[in-house]
């Protein structure tokens, strides 16, 4: 989860720097975005294995597929004066993915804690 958090925070920082006009960072923002999405998908797989709500897992997987598609096509959406709307939407989509990864991780930790609690009581 820490790698997912670090990648997500890097995405936020890089994105804000891109908004300031430093387009050279796009070459870092894109692969880091793919890394973040890969980590989200791995987190969803771990959550599924742990028995987290299947609806959340499926939604996270689908969201993880949508994020790079939206990111890679956003430059073609609403070009001109209204492109800021797409940029804000891109930011919100990414923040939602970060929140989803956190929720999957919390659910996984809770499920694994309830699985190990009976074993800990038997050992005591």
Protein backbone atom coordinates (compact mmCIF):
# COMPACT_ATOMS: atom_id res chain seq x y z
CA UNK A 1 0.00 0.00 0.00
CA UNK A 2 2.87 2.36 0.71
CA UNK A 3 4.08 2.06 -2.87
CA UNK A 4 0.57 2.87 -4.11
CA UNK A 5 0.44 5.92 -1.84
CA UNK A 6 3.87 7.12 -2.97
CA UNK A 7 2.98 6.66 -6.62
CA UNK A 8 -0.34 8.47 -6.14
CA UNK A 9 1.26 11.39 -4.34
CA UNK A 10 3.90 11.62 -7.06
CA UNK A 11 1.08 11.74 -9.61
CA UNK A 12 -0.53 14.64 -7.78
CA UNK A 13 2.73 16.55 -7.57
CA UNK A 14 3.62 15.88 -11.20
CA UNK A 15 0.14 16.84 -12.32
CA UNK A 16 0.28 20.15 -10.49
CA UNK A 17 3.69 20.86 -12.01
CA UNK A 18 2.25 20.04 -15.44
CA UNK A 19 -0.49 22.59 -14.84
CA UNK A 20 2.22 25.16 -14.18
CA UNK A 21 3.48 24.56 -17.73
CA UNK A 22 6.38 22.17 -17.10
CA UNK A 23 5.42 19.77 -19.90
CA UNK A 24 8.78 17.96 -19.76
CA UNK A 25 7.40 16.11 -16.71
CA UNK A 26 4.77 14.41 -18.87
CA UNK A 27 7.39 11.78 -19.69
CA UNK A 28 7.44 10.89 -15.97
CA UNK A 29 3.74 11.44 -15.24
CA UNK A 30 2.54 8.90 -17.81
CA UNK A 31 4.64 5.86 -16.75
CA UNK A 32 4.07 6.65 -13.09
CA UNK A 33 0.34 6.77 -13.83
CA UNK A 34 0.53 3.31 -15.37
CA UNK A 35 2.45 2.11 -12.30
CA UNK A 36 -0.22 3.56 -10.03
CA UNK A 37 -2.99 1.81 -11.99
CA UNK A 38 -1.06 -1.47 -11.92
CA UNK A 39 -0.73 -1.13 -8.14
CA UNK A 40 -4.47 -0.38 -7.87
CA UNK A 41 -5.23 -3.55 -9.84
CA UNK A 42 -2.88 -5.58 -7.61
CA UNK A 43 -4.57 -4.11 -4.55
CA UNK A 44 -7.94 -5.15 -5.99
CA UNK A 45 -6.63 -8.69 -6.53
CA UNK A 46 -5.37 -8.89 -2.96
CA UNK A 47 -8.70 -7.53 -1.70
CA UNK A 48 -10.58 -10.14 -3.72
CA UNK A 49 -8.39 -12.89 -2.26
CA UNK A 50 -9.05 -11.55 1.25
CA UNK A 51 -12.80 -11.57 0.67
CA UNK A 52 -13.49 -7.84 0.45
CA UNK A 53 -16.91 -6.92 -0.98
CA UNK A 54 -16.89 -8.11 -4.58
CA UNK A 55 -18.74 -5.00 -5.82
CA UNK A 56 -15.95 -2.75 -4.56
CA UNK A 57 -13.32 -5.03 -6.10
CA UNK A 58 -15.05 -5.13 -9.50
CA UNK A 59 -15.60 -1.36 -9.44
CA UNK A 60 -11.92 -0.80 -8.61
CA UNK A 61 -10.82 -3.06 -11.47
CA UNK A 62 -13.10 -1.24 -13.92
CA UNK A 63 -12.00 2.15 -12.59
CA UNK A 64 -8.39 1.04 -13.00
CA UNK A 65 -9.11 0.34 -16.66
CA UNK A 66 -10.83 3.69 -17.13
CA UNK A 67 -8.10 5.83 -15.52
CA UNK A 68 -5.37 5.32 -18.15
CA UNK A 69 -7.88 5.54 -21.00
CA UNK A 70 -9.13 8.89 -19.72
CA UNK A 71 -5.62 10.10 -18.99
CA UNK A 72 -4.31 9.25 -22.44
CA UNK A 73 -7.28 10.78 -24.29
CA UNK A 74 -7.85 13.87 -22.15
CA UNK A 75 -5.83 16.16 -24.42
CA UNK A 76 -8.39 15.57 -27.18
CA UNK A 77 -11.39 16.45 -25.00
CA UNK A 78 -12.73 20.01 -24.99
CA UNK A 79 -9.69 21.66 -26.55
CA UNK A 80 -9.45 25.37 -26.07
CA UNK A 81 -10.77 27.57 -23.29
CA UNK A 82 -12.85 24.85 -21.64
CA UNK A 83 -10.05 22.28 -21.36
CA UNK A 84 -9.65 23.18 -17.69
CA UNK A 85 -12.89 21.25 -17.07
CA UNK A 86 -11.23 18.09 -18.40
CA UNK A 87 -8.11 18.76 -16.32
CA UNK A 88 -10.21 19.04 -13.14
CA UNK A 89 -12.08 15.85 -14.10
CA UNK A 90 -8.71 14.11 -14.62
CA UNK A 91 -7.60 15.21 -11.16
CA UNK A 92 -10.85 13.96 -9.59
CA UNK A 93 -10.62 10.61 -11.40
CA UNK A 94 -7.09 10.15 -10.02
CA UNK A 95 -8.02 11.18 -6.49
CA UNK A 96 -10.97 8.78 -6.61
CA UNK A 97 -8.59 5.99 -7.66
CA UNK A 98 -6.34 6.84 -4.71
CA UNK A 99 -9.32 6.73 -2.34
CA UNK A 100 -10.39 3.41 -3.83
CA UNK A 101 -6.93 1.93 -3.24
CA UNK A 102 -7.09 3.09 0.38
CA UNK A 103 -10.54 1.58 0.83
CA UNK A 104 -9.41 -1.73 -0.66
CA UNK A 105 -6.40 -1.78 1.66
CA UNK A 106 -8.50 -1.05 4.76
CA UNK A 107 -11.01 -3.72 3.77
CA UNK A 108 -8.21 -6.21 3.19
CA UNK A 109 -6.63 -5.46 6.57
CA UNK A 110 -9.99 -5.80 8.33
CA UNK A 111 -10.79 -9.11 6.63
CA UNK A 112 -7.36 -10.55 7.37
CA UNK A 113 -7.57 -9.40 10.99
CA UNK A 114 -10.89 -11.22 11.47
CA UNK A 115 -9.43 -14.36 9.87
CA UNK A 116 -6.42 -14.40 12.18
CA UNK A 117 -8.33 -13.48 15.37
CA UNK A 118 -9.76 -17.00 15.96
CA UNK A 119 -6.34 -18.56 15.37
CA UNK A 120 -4.77 -16.15 17.85
CA UNK A 121 -7.40 -17.05 20.47
CA UNK A 122 -6.80 -20.78 19.96
CA UNK A 123 -3.05 -20.29 20.44
CA UNK A 124 -3.52 -18.36 23.68
